[in-house]
C-alpha atoms as a PDB file:
ATOM      1  CA  UNK A   1      -2.570 -18.238  36.967  1.00  0.00           C
ATOM      2  CA  UNK A   2      -3.757 -21.718  36.370  1.00  0.00           C
ATOM      3  CA  UNK A   3      -4.302 -23.292  32.983  1.00  0.00           C
ATOM      4  CA  UNK A   4      -8.072 -22.915  33.084  1.00  0.00           C
ATOM      5  CA  UNK A   5      -7.860 -19.144  33.623  1.00  0.00           C
ATOM      6  CA  UNK A   6      -5.372 -18.768  30.775  1.00  0.00           C
ATOM      7  CA  UNK A   7      -7.674 -20.741  28.491  1.00  0.00           C
ATOM      8  CA  UNK A   8     -10.649 -18.534  29.413  1.00  0.00           C
ATOM      9  CA  UNK A   9      -8.641 -15.352  28.767  1.00  0.00           C
ATOM     10  CA  UNK A  10      -7.591 -16.657  25.344  1.00  0.00           C
ATOM     11  CA  UNK A  11     -11.187 -17.555  24.487  1.00  0.00           C
ATOM     12  CA  UNK A  12     -12.336 -14.069  25.452  1.00  0.00           C
ATOM     13  CA  UNK A  13      -9.601 -12.254  23.500  1.00  0.00           C
ATOM     14  CA  UNK A  14      -9.716 -14.356  20.318  1.00  0.00           C
ATOM     15  CA  UNK A  15     -13.032 -12.946  19.015  1.00  0.00           C
ATOM     16  CA  UNK A  16     -11.760  -9.413  19.655  1.00  0.00           C
ATOM     17  CA  UNK A  17      -8.707  -9.992  17.462  1.00  0.00           C
ATOM     18  CA  UNK A  18     -10.869 -11.292  14.624  1.00  0.00           C
ATOM     19  CA  UNK A  19     -13.216  -8.315  14.963  1.00  0.00           C
ATOM     20  CA  UNK A  20     -10.307  -5.857  14.911  1.00  0.00           C
ATOM     21  CA  UNK A  21      -9.061  -7.204  11.575  1.00  0.00           C
ATOM     22  CA  UNK A  22     -12.500  -7.664   9.988  1.00  0.00           C
ATOM     23  CA  UNK A  23     -12.684  -3.985   9.022  1.00  0.00           C
ATOM     24  CA  UNK A  24      -9.260  -3.720   7.424  1.00  0.00           C
ATOM     25  CA  UNK A  25      -7.679  -4.590   4.126  1.00  0.00           C
ATOM     26  CA  UNK A  26      -4.629  -3.894   2.012  1.00  0.00           C
ATOM     27  CA  UNK A  27      -3.478  -2.533  -1.320  1.00  0.00           C
ATOM     28  CA  UNK A  28      -0.770  -4.346  -3.223  1.00  0.00           C
ATOM     29  CA  UNK A  29       0.699  -3.989  -6.662  1.00  0.00           C
ATOM     30  CA  UNK A  30       3.638  -3.380  -8.941  1.00  0.00           C
ATOM     31  CA  UNK A  31       5.250  -0.279 -10.442  1.00  0.00           C
ATOM     32  CA  UNK A  32       7.202  -0.371 -13.688  1.00  0.00           C
ATOM     33  CA  UNK A  33       8.631   1.842 -16.424  1.00  0.00           C
ATOM     34  CA  UNK A  34       6.031   2.500 -19.135  1.00  0.00           C
ATOM     35  CA  UNK A  35       8.534   2.128 -21.994  1.00  0.00           C
ATOM     36  CA  UNK A  36      10.918  -0.623 -20.917  1.00  0.00           C
ATOM     37  CA  UNK A  37       8.416  -2.497 -18.692  1.00  0.00           C
ATOM     38  CA  UNK A  38      11.248  -2.914 -16.140  1.00  0.00           C
ATOM     39  CA  UNK A  39      10.232  -2.862 -12.462  1.00  0.00           C
ATOM     40  CA  UNK A  40      11.056   0.339 -10.574  1.00  0.00           C
ATOM     41  CA  UNK A  41      12.565  -0.213  -7.107  1.00  0.00           C
ATOM     42  CA  UNK A  42      12.404   2.603  -4.551  1.00  0.00           C
ATOM     43  CA  UNK A  43       9.239   4.345  -5.749  1.00  0.00           C
ATOM     44  CA  UNK A  44       7.578   6.310  -2.916  1.00  0.00           C
ATOM     45  CA  UNK A  45       3.899   5.517  -2.405  1.00  0.00           C
ATOM     46  CA  UNK A  46       1.542   7.447  -0.124  1.00  0.00           C
ATOM     47  CA  UNK A  47      -2.123   6.759   0.668  1.00  0.00           C
ATOM     48  CA  UNK A  48      -3.364  10.360   0.528  1.00  0.00           C
ATOM     49  CA  UNK A  49      -6.206   9.915   3.044  1.00  0.00           C
ATOM     50  CA  UNK A  50      -3.812   8.567   5.677  1.00  0.00           C
ATOM     51  CA  UNK A  51      -0.276   8.976   6.901  1.00  0.00           C
ATOM     52  CA  UNK A  52       0.533   5.497   5.587  1.00  0.00           C
ATOM     53  CA  UNK A  53       2.928   4.744   2.808  1.00  0.00           C
ATOM     54  CA  UNK A  54       5.673   2.468   1.550  1.00  0.00           C
ATOM     55  CA  UNK A  55       8.287   2.036  -1.170  1.00  0.00           C
ATOM     56  CA  UNK A  56       8.593  -0.567  -3.882  1.00  0.00           C
ATOM     57  CA  UNK A  57      11.019  -3.454  -3.454  1.00  0.00           C
ATOM     58  CA  UNK A  58      13.680  -4.589  -5.935  1.00  0.00           C
ATOM     59  CA  UNK A  59      10.966  -6.202  -8.097  1.00  0.00           C
ATOM     60  CA  UNK A  60       8.811  -3.049  -8.115  1.00  0.00           C
ATOM     61  CA  UNK A  61       6.252  -4.629  -5.767  1.00  0.00           C
ATOM     62  CA  UNK A  62       4.584  -2.953  -2.812  1.00  0.00           C
ATOM     63  CA  UNK A  63       1.851  -3.416  -0.224  1.00  0.00           C
ATOM     64  CA  UNK A  64       0.140  -1.167   2.281  1.00  0.00           C
ATOM     65  CA  UNK A  65      -1.571  -3.174   5.009  1.00  0.00           C
ATOM     66  CA  UNK A  66      -4.096  -2.514   7.781  1.00  0.00           C
ATOM     67  CA  UNK A  67      -6.097   0.090   5.878  1.00  0.00           C
ATOM     68  CA  UNK A  68      -9.674   0.737   6.916  1.00  0.00           C
ATOM     69  CA  UNK A  69     -12.255  -0.422   4.407  1.00  0.00           C
ATOM     70  CA  UNK A  70     -12.979   2.410   1.974  1.00  0.00           C
ATOM     71  CA  UNK A  71     -11.925   4.359  -1.101  1.00  0.00           C
ATOM     72  CA  UNK A  72      -8.293   5.522  -1.422  1.00  0.00           C
ATOM     73  CA  UNK A  73      -6.015   7.558  -3.662  1.00  0.00           C
ATOM     74  CA  UNK A  74      -2.332   6.695  -3.942  1.00  0.00           C
ATOM     75  CA  UNK A  75       0.467   9.050  -4.993  1.00  0.00           C
ATOM     76  CA  UNK A  76       3.505   7.494  -6.709  1.00  0.00           C
ATOM     77  CA  UNK A  77       6.687   9.561  -6.916  1.00  0.00           C
ATOM     78  CA  UNK A  78      10.184   8.718  -8.114  1.00  0.00           C
ATOM     79  CA  UNK A  79      13.076  10.965  -9.139  1.00  0.00           C
ATOM     80  CA  UNK A  80      13.246  11.291 -12.918  1.00  0.00           C
ATOM     81  CA  UNK A  81       9.617  10.189 -13.385  1.00  0.00           C
ATOM     82  CA  UNK A  82       6.300  12.012 -13.486  1.00  0.00           C
ATOM     83  CA  UNK A  83       4.311  11.817 -10.244  1.00  0.00           C
ATOM     84  CA  UNK A  84       1.103   9.806 -10.632  1.00  0.00           C
ATOM     85  CA  UNK A  85      -2.038   9.831  -8.494  1.00  0.00           C
ATOM     86  CA  UNK A  86      -4.293   6.775  -8.804  1.00  0.00           C
ATOM     87  CA  UNK A  87      -7.812   7.340  -7.476  1.00  0.00           C
ATOM     88  CA  UNK A  88     -10.829   5.209  -6.619  1.00  0.00           C
ATOM     89  CA  UNK A  89      -8.914   2.275  -5.181  1.00  0.00           C
ATOM     90  CA  UNK A  90     -11.488   0.283  -3.229  1.00  0.00           C
ATOM     91  CA  UNK A  91     -10.205  -1.522  -0.125  1.00  0.00           C
ATOM     92  CA  UNK A  92     -12.301  -4.247   1.441  1.00  0.00           C
ATOM     93  CA  UNK A  93     -11.613  -6.960   3.970  1.00  0.00           C
ATOM     94  CA  UNK A  94     -12.353  -9.848   1.597  1.00  0.00           C
ATOM     95  CA  UNK A  95      -9.253  -9.564  -0.600  1.00  0.00           C
ATOM     96  CA  UNK A  96      -6.417  -7.139  -1.383  1.00  0.00           C
ATOM     97  CA  UNK A  97      -6.921  -4.335  -3.880  1.00  0.00           C
ATOM     98  CA  UNK A  98      -4.417  -4.996  -6.680  1.00  0.00           C
ATOM     99  CA  UNK A  99      -3.057  -2.318  -9.010  1.00  0.00           C
ATOM    100  CA  UNK A 100      -0.307  -1.922 -11.587  1.00  0.00           C
ATOM    101  CA  UNK A 101       1.241   1.462 -12.254  1.00  0.00           C
ATOM    102  CA  UNK A 102       3.204   2.553 -15.318  1.00  0.00           C
ATOM    103  CA  UNK A 103       5.479   5.521 -14.740  1.00  0.00           C
ATOM    104  CA  UNK A 104       6.874   7.680 -17.532  1.00  0.00           C
ATOM    105  CA  UNK A 105      10.161   9.526 -17.408  1.00  0.00           C
ATOM    106  CA  UNK A 106      10.137  13.282 -17.040  1.00  0.00           C
ATOM    107  CA  UNK A 107      12.704  15.830 -18.077  1.00  0.00           C
ATOM    108  CA  UNK A 108      14.456  17.487 -15.154  1.00  0.00           C
ATOM    109  CA  UNK A 109      15.334  21.068 -15.971  1.00  0.00           C
ATOM    110  CA  UNK A 110      18.123  22.829 -14.132  1.00  0.00           C
ATOM    111  CA  UNK A 111      18.091  26.573 -13.654  1.00  0.00           C
ATOM    112  CA  UNK A 112      20.962  28.400 -15.268  1.00  0.00           C
ATOM    113  CA  UNK A 113      22.847  30.905 -13.170  1.00  0.00           C
END
């Protein structure tokens, strides 16, 4: 293939790549303990309308990328803490949806034998 053909192919594909990302966005945020305000690493996060999810990093931060524009609910779960569902998170392509989540400890009861 000569240089001119490669250039034409790139020009034809470039608008398609922009169009493909125009309808997507992301959710990002931070999860921390409600009492101590310490970040919680390893929290499981699931976008309930999709099969997409992630976990928080060492600083309690997370992001879920390439979500279609729309309204989402996220479920946050972590051993020793109450599961939380955050609803009405609006994702658009202009900027990331940002949320902060406070998790409270829960009592784990063991069955006696």
